[in-house]
C-alpha atoms as a PDB file:
ATOM      1  CA  LEU A   1       0.907   4.532  -3.376  1.00  0.00           C
ATOM      2  CA  ASN A   2       4.395   3.380  -4.299  1.00  0.00           C
ATOM      3  CA  LEU A   3       5.771   5.097  -1.214  1.00  0.00           C
ATOM      4  CA  GLN A   4       3.216   3.320   0.981  1.00  0.00           C
ATOM      5  CA  ALA A   5       5.320   0.184   0.605  1.00  0.00           C
ATOM      6  CA  LEU A   6       8.279   2.050   2.103  1.00  0.00           C
ATOM      7  CA  LEU A   7       6.239   3.190   5.100  1.00  0.00           C
ATOM      8  CA  ALA A   8       4.942  -0.312   5.817  1.00  0.00           C
ATOM      9  CA  SER A   9       8.161  -2.224   5.147  1.00  0.00           C
ATOM     10  CA  ARG A  10       9.761  -1.437   8.524  1.00  0.00           C
ATOM     11  CA  VAL A  11      13.054  -0.275   7.070  1.00  0.00           C
ATOM     12  CA  ALA A  12      15.019   0.751  10.168  1.00  0.00           C
ATOM     13  CA  ARG A  13      16.483   3.900   8.559  1.00  0.00           C
ATOM     14  CA  PHE A  14      12.983   5.333   8.019  1.00  0.00           C
ATOM     15  CA  GLU A  15      11.287   3.872  11.066  1.00  0.00           C
ATOM     16  CA  ARG A  16      13.836   4.581  13.807  1.00  0.00           C
ATOM     17  CA  PRO A  17      13.579   8.421  13.907  1.00  0.00           C
ATOM     18  CA  PHE A  18       9.791   8.366  14.283  1.00  0.00           C
ATOM     19  CA  GLY A  19       8.876   4.994  15.812  1.00  0.00           C
ATOM     20  CA  LEU A  20       6.812   2.201  14.305  1.00  0.00           C
ATOM     21  CA  ASP A  21       3.471   3.475  15.668  1.00  0.00           C
ATOM     22  CA  ALA A  22       3.932   6.914  14.101  1.00  0.00           C
ATOM     23  CA  VAL A  23       5.100   5.505  10.766  1.00  0.00           C
ATOM     24  CA  LEU A  24       2.208   3.035  10.551  1.00  0.00           C
ATOM     25  CA  GLY A  25      -0.237   5.774  11.599  1.00  0.00           C
ATOM     26  CA  PHE A  26       1.118   7.972   8.807  1.00  0.00           C
ATOM     27  CA  HIS A  27       0.821   4.982   6.435  1.00  0.00           C
ATOM     28  CA  ARG A  28      -2.849   4.659   7.384  1.00  0.00           C
ATOM     29  CA  HIS A  29      -3.607   8.361   6.906  1.00  0.00           C
ATOM     30  CA  MET A  30      -1.755   8.474   3.591  1.00  0.00           C
ATOM     31  CA  GLY A  31      -3.777   5.478   2.386  1.00  0.00           C
ATOM     32  CA  ILE A  32      -6.996   7.361   3.085  1.00  0.00           C
ATOM     33  CA  PHE A  33      -5.577  10.495   1.439  1.00  0.00           C
ATOM     34  CA  ALA A  34      -4.477   8.445  -1.591  1.00  0.00           C
ATOM     35  CA  LEU A  35      -8.005   7.072  -1.903  1.00  0.00           C
ATOM     36  CA  ALA A  36      -9.404  10.615  -1.947  1.00  0.00           C
ATOM     37  CA  LEU A  37      -6.937  11.634  -4.666  1.00  0.00           C
ATOM     38  CA  PHE A  38      -7.525   8.517  -6.747  1.00  0.00           C
ATOM     39  CA  ALA A  39     -11.304   8.889  -6.445  1.00  0.00           C
ATOM     40  CA  ALA A  40     -11.031  12.502  -7.611  1.00  0.00           C
ATOM     41  CA  HIS A  41      -8.896  11.530 -10.626  1.00  0.00           C
ATOM     42  CA  PRO A  42     -11.639  10.075 -12.887  1.00  0.00           C
ATOM     43  CA  LEU A  43     -14.145  12.689 -11.721  1.00  0.00           C
ATOM     44  CA  LEU A  44     -11.780  15.500 -12.685  1.00  0.00           C
ATOM     45  CA  LEU A  45     -10.995  13.864 -16.024  1.00  0.00           C
ATOM     46  CA  ALA A  46     -14.704  13.475 -16.786  1.00  0.00           C
ATOM     47  CA  ARG A  47     -15.366  17.079 -15.795  1.00  0.00           C
ATOM     48  CA  GLY A  48     -12.333  18.259 -17.788  1.00  0.00           C
ATOM     49  CA  GLY A  49     -13.632  16.967 -21.093  1.00  0.00           C
ATOM     50  CA  ALA A  50     -13.358  13.166 -21.089  1.00  0.00           C
ATOM     51  CA  GLY A  51     -17.106  12.907 -20.513  1.00  0.00           C
ATOM     52  CA  THR A  52     -19.195  10.708 -18.245  1.00  0.00           C
ATOM     53  CA  GLY A  53     -18.574   7.691 -20.475  1.00  0.00           C
ATOM     54  CA  LEU A  54     -15.208   7.481 -18.776  1.00  0.00           C
ATOM     55  CA  LEU A  55     -17.021   6.854 -15.501  1.00  0.00           C
ATOM     56  CA  THR A  56     -19.924   4.687 -16.601  1.00  0.00           C
ATOM     57  CA  GLY A  57     -19.254   3.471 -20.123  1.00  0.00           C
ATOM     58  CA  ALA A  58     -18.488  -0.163 -20.843  1.00  0.00           C
ATOM     59  CA  ALA A  59     -16.795   0.500 -24.181  1.00  0.00           C
ATOM     60  CA  VAL A  60     -13.612   2.057 -22.862  1.00  0.00           C
ATOM     61  CA  PRO A  61     -10.012   0.987 -23.562  1.00  0.00           C
ATOM     62  CA  TRP A  62      -8.513  -1.757 -21.395  1.00  0.00           C
ATOM     63  CA  PRO A  63      -6.208   0.642 -19.478  1.00  0.00           C
ATOM     64  CA  VAL A  64      -9.307   2.487 -18.261  1.00  0.00           C
ATOM     65  CA  TRP A  65     -10.653  -0.830 -16.952  1.00  0.00           C
ATOM     66  CA  LEU A  66      -7.344  -1.368 -15.154  1.00  0.00           C
ATOM     67  CA  GLY A  67      -7.770   2.043 -13.534  1.00  0.00           C
ATOM     68  CA  ARG A  68     -11.323   1.200 -12.506  1.00  0.00           C
ATOM     69  CA  LEU A  69     -10.166  -2.093 -10.996  1.00  0.00           C
ATOM     70  CA  ALA A  70      -7.315  -0.333  -9.193  1.00  0.00           C
ATOM     71  CA  LEU A  71      -9.721   2.226  -7.744  1.00  0.00           C
ATOM     72  CA  ALA A  72     -12.221  -0.452  -6.696  1.00  0.00           C
ATOM     73  CA  GLY A  73      -9.417  -2.442  -5.100  1.00  0.00           C
ATOM     74  CA  LEU A  74      -8.179   0.640  -3.272  1.00  0.00           C
ATOM     75  CA  VAL A  75     -11.685   1.347  -1.952  1.00  0.00           C
ATOM     76  CA  VAL A  76     -11.965  -2.197  -0.585  1.00  0.00           C
ATOM     77  CA  HIS A  77      -8.393  -2.001   0.729  1.00  0.00           C
ATOM     78  CA  VAL A  78      -8.980   1.211   2.682  1.00  0.00           C
ATOM     79  CA  LEU A  79     -12.444   0.210   3.918  1.00  0.00           C
ATOM     80  CA  LEU A  80     -11.105  -3.074   5.281  1.00  0.00           C
ATOM     81  CA  SER A  81      -8.278  -1.258   7.022  1.00  0.00           C
ATOM     82  CA  VAL A  82     -10.468   1.446   8.523  1.00  0.00           C
ATOM     83  CA  ALA A  83     -13.292  -0.889   9.574  1.00  0.00           C
ATOM     84  CA  GLN A  84     -11.270  -3.962  10.582  1.00  0.00           C
ATOM     85  CA  ASN A  85     -12.057  -3.640  14.292  1.00  0.00           C
ATOM     86  CA  ARG A  86     -15.680  -2.578  13.778  1.00  0.00           C
ATOM     87  CA  VAL A  87     -16.493  -5.629  11.665  1.00  0.00           C
ATOM     88  CA  ARG A  88     -14.510  -7.867  14.047  1.00  0.00           C
ATOM     89  CA  MET A  89     -12.204  -9.084  11.317  1.00  0.00           C
ATOM     90  CA  LYS A  90      -9.349 -11.180  12.661  1.00  0.00           C
ATOM     91  CA  PHE A  91      -5.934  -9.588  12.227  1.00  0.00           C
ATOM     92  CA  GLU A  92      -4.631 -12.555  10.234  1.00  0.00           C
ATOM     93  CA  SER A  93      -7.521 -12.317   7.758  1.00  0.00           C
ATOM     94  CA  TRP A  94      -7.070  -8.580   7.428  1.00  0.00           C
ATOM     95  CA  ARG A  95      -3.309  -8.976   6.950  1.00  0.00           C
ATOM     96  CA  THR A  96      -3.821 -11.537   4.182  1.00  0.00           C
ATOM     97  CA  ALA A  97      -6.300  -9.247   2.399  1.00  0.00           C
ATOM     98  CA  HIS A  98      -3.952  -6.282   2.898  1.00  0.00           C
ATOM     99  CA  ASP A  99      -1.008  -8.231   1.496  1.00  0.00           C
ATOM    100  CA  LEU A 100      -2.992  -9.335  -1.553  1.00  0.00           C
ATOM    101  CA  LEU A 101      -4.764  -6.065  -2.309  1.00  0.00           C
ATOM    102  CA  GLY A 102      -1.767  -3.761  -1.799  1.00  0.00           C
ATOM    103  CA  PRO A 103       0.472  -5.153  -4.546  1.00  0.00           C
ATOM    104  CA  LEU A 104      -2.550  -5.757  -6.788  1.00  0.00           C
ATOM    105  CA  VAL A 105      -3.724  -2.137  -6.541  1.00  0.00           C
ATOM    106  CA  ILE A 106      -0.205  -0.800  -7.093  1.00  0.00           C
ATOM    107  CA  SER A 107       0.326  -3.108 -10.092  1.00  0.00           C
ATOM    108  CA  LEU A 108      -3.015  -2.227 -11.693  1.00  0.00           C
ATOM    109  CA  GLY A 109      -2.439   1.480 -11.092  1.00  0.00           C
ATOM    110  CA  PHE A 110       1.067   1.232 -12.510  1.00  0.00           C
ATOM    111  CA  ALA A 111      -0.119  -0.495 -15.698  1.00  0.00           C
ATOM    112  CA  HIS A 112      -2.983   2.026 -16.022  1.00  0.00           C
ATOM    113  CA  SER A 113      -0.686   5.033 -15.649  1.00  0.00           C
ATOM    114  CA  LEU A 114       2.008   3.601 -17.901  1.00  0.00           C
ATOM    115  CA  ALA A 115      -0.517   2.968 -20.685  1.00  0.00           C
ATOM    116  CA  LEU A 116      -2.448   6.238 -20.397  1.00  0.00           C
ATOM    117  CA  GLY A 117      -0.200   8.678 -18.527  1.00  0.00           C
ATOM    118  CA  GLN A 118       0.505  11.557 -20.870  1.00  0.00           C
ATOM    119  CA  ASP A 119       2.904  12.979 -18.301  1.00  0.00           C
ATOM    120  CA  LEU A 120       5.074   9.857 -18.655  1.00  0.00           C
ATOM    121  CA  GLY A 121       5.966  10.702 -22.246  1.00  0.00           C
ATOM    122  CA  LEU A 122       9.491  11.715 -21.302  1.00  0.00           C
ATOM    123  CA  PRO A 123      11.789   8.678 -21.078  1.00  0.00           C
ATOM    124  CA  ALA A 124      13.316   9.920 -17.804  1.00  0.00           C
ATOM    125  CA  LEU A 125       9.899  10.171 -16.137  1.00  0.00           C
ATOM    126  CA  LYS A 126       8.878   6.761 -17.444  1.00  0.00           C
ATOM    127  CA  ALA A 127      12.138   5.297 -16.105  1.00  0.00           C
ATOM    128  CA  LEU A 128      11.563   6.940 -12.717  1.00  0.00           C
ATOM    129  CA  TRP A 129       8.036   5.517 -12.633  1.00  0.00           C
ATOM    130  CA  VAL A 130       9.334   2.011 -13.383  1.00  0.00           C
ATOM    131  CA  VAL A 131      12.002   2.369 -10.676  1.00  0.00           C
ATOM    132  CA  LEU A 132       9.405   3.500  -8.104  1.00  0.00           C
ATOM    133  CA  PHE A 133       7.099   0.619  -8.986  1.00  0.00           C
ATOM    134  CA  THR A 134       9.911  -1.933  -8.932  1.00  0.00           C
ATOM    135  CA  GLY A 135      11.157  -0.538  -5.632  1.00  0.00           C
ATOM    136  CA  ALA A 136       7.703  -0.786  -4.070  1.00  0.00           C
ATOM    137  CA  LEU A 137       7.334  -4.418  -5.122  1.00  0.00           C
ATOM    138  CA  ALA A 138      10.882  -5.210  -3.967  1.00  0.00           C
ATOM    139  CA  LEU A 139      10.168  -3.669  -0.544  1.00  0.00           C
ATOM    140  CA  PHE A 140       6.959  -5.668  -0.268  1.00  0.00           C
ATOM    141  CA  LEU A 141       8.705  -8.936  -1.192  1.00  0.00           C
ATOM    142  CA  HIS A 142      11.534  -8.227   1.238  1.00  0.00           C
ATOM    143  CA  HIS A 143       9.176  -7.327   4.096  1.00  0.00           C
ATOM    144  CA  ARG A 144       6.742 -10.223   3.640  1.00  0.00           C
ATOM    145  CA  PHE A 145       9.001 -13.047   2.423  1.00  0.00           C
ATOM    146  CA  ILE A 146      12.765 -12.446   2.529  1.00  0.00           C
ATOM    147  CA  ARG A 147      13.002 -10.822   5.983  1.00  0.00           C
ATOM    148  CA  PRO A 148      10.782 -13.440   7.694  1.00  0.00           C
ATOM    149  CA  PHE A 149      12.877 -16.178   6.114  1.00  0.00           C
ATOM    150  CA  LEU A 150      16.104 -14.585   7.343  1.00  0.00           C
ATOM    151  CA  LEU A 151      14.621 -14.184  10.839  1.00  0.00           C
ATOM    152  CA  TRP A 152      13.517 -17.808  10.768  1.00  0.00           C
ATOM    153  CA  LEU A 153      17.103 -18.836  10.085  1.00  0.00           C
ATOM    154  CA  GLN A 154      18.261 -17.102  13.285  1.00  0.00           C
ATOM    155  CA  PRO A 155      15.385 -17.138  15.783  1.00  0.00           C
ATOM    156  CA  TYR A 156      15.487 -15.010  18.907  1.00  0.00           C
ATOM    157  CA  THR A 157      15.823 -16.576  22.342  1.00  0.00           C
ATOM    158  CA  VAL A 158      14.047 -15.067  25.345  1.00  0.00           C
ATOM    159  CA  VAL A 159      16.714 -14.601  28.022  1.00  0.00           C
ATOM    160  CA  ASP A 160      14.750 -12.577  30.564  1.00  0.00           C
ATOM    161  CA  VAL A 161      11.213 -11.419  31.336  1.00  0.00           C
ATOM    162  CA  GLU A 162      10.862  -8.720  33.960  1.00  0.00           C
ATOM    163  CA  ALA A 163       7.662  -7.175  35.387  1.00  0.00           C
ATOM    164  CA  GLU A 164       7.958  -3.373  35.292  1.00  0.00           C
ATOM    165  CA  ALA A 165       4.434  -2.384  36.373  1.00  0.00           C
ATOM    166  CA  PRO A 166       0.970  -3.979  36.298  1.00  0.00           C
ATOM    167  CA  GLY A 167       0.492  -5.189  32.720  1.00  0.00           C
ATOM    168  CA  VAL A 168       3.920  -3.913  31.595  1.00  0.00           C
ATOM    169  CA  TRP A 169       6.797  -6.287  30.926  1.00  0.00           C
ATOM    170  CA  THR A 170      10.323  -6.008  29.626  1.00  0.00           C
ATOM    171  CA  VAL A 171      11.258  -8.961  27.470  1.00  0.00           C
ATOM    172  CA  THR A 172      14.964  -9.349  26.701  1.00  0.00           C
ATOM    173  CA  LEU A 173      15.790 -11.277  23.537  1.00  0.00           C
END
């Protein structure tokens, strides 16, 4: 999930070799794949000895609740993205939900994994995890706030519009 922020942030170095459509398509497919993995996580833990109380119990530690909230948020996040056109959701509404749910899910998942992740016991792995999380949030903030502000400071000017074919135009900025 942390790398999803990189795919969606439109960093030219990562986007240019593949094109924006391919990168965003990959972002979409990886979101669905991430949901499958994250949905399997509690099921595998329950099957591996944690018991069904992990899935349905109310008396679980707070980090488990964070994981549940992260998973629920990810389900809503992916369903909104996959069904946006079918439910006739306006792009602006979807984008707002996407921009709120994305960082929320990543933050909840990060806190959950940091509190419970036995594989993060090594200081180097914990540091890497913090760097990945911080990088994802920094990319999100840059893409949604800093970059638009910088573009606003130097707006483009349309210098030419040329018809290439029916319904196809070249716009020179």
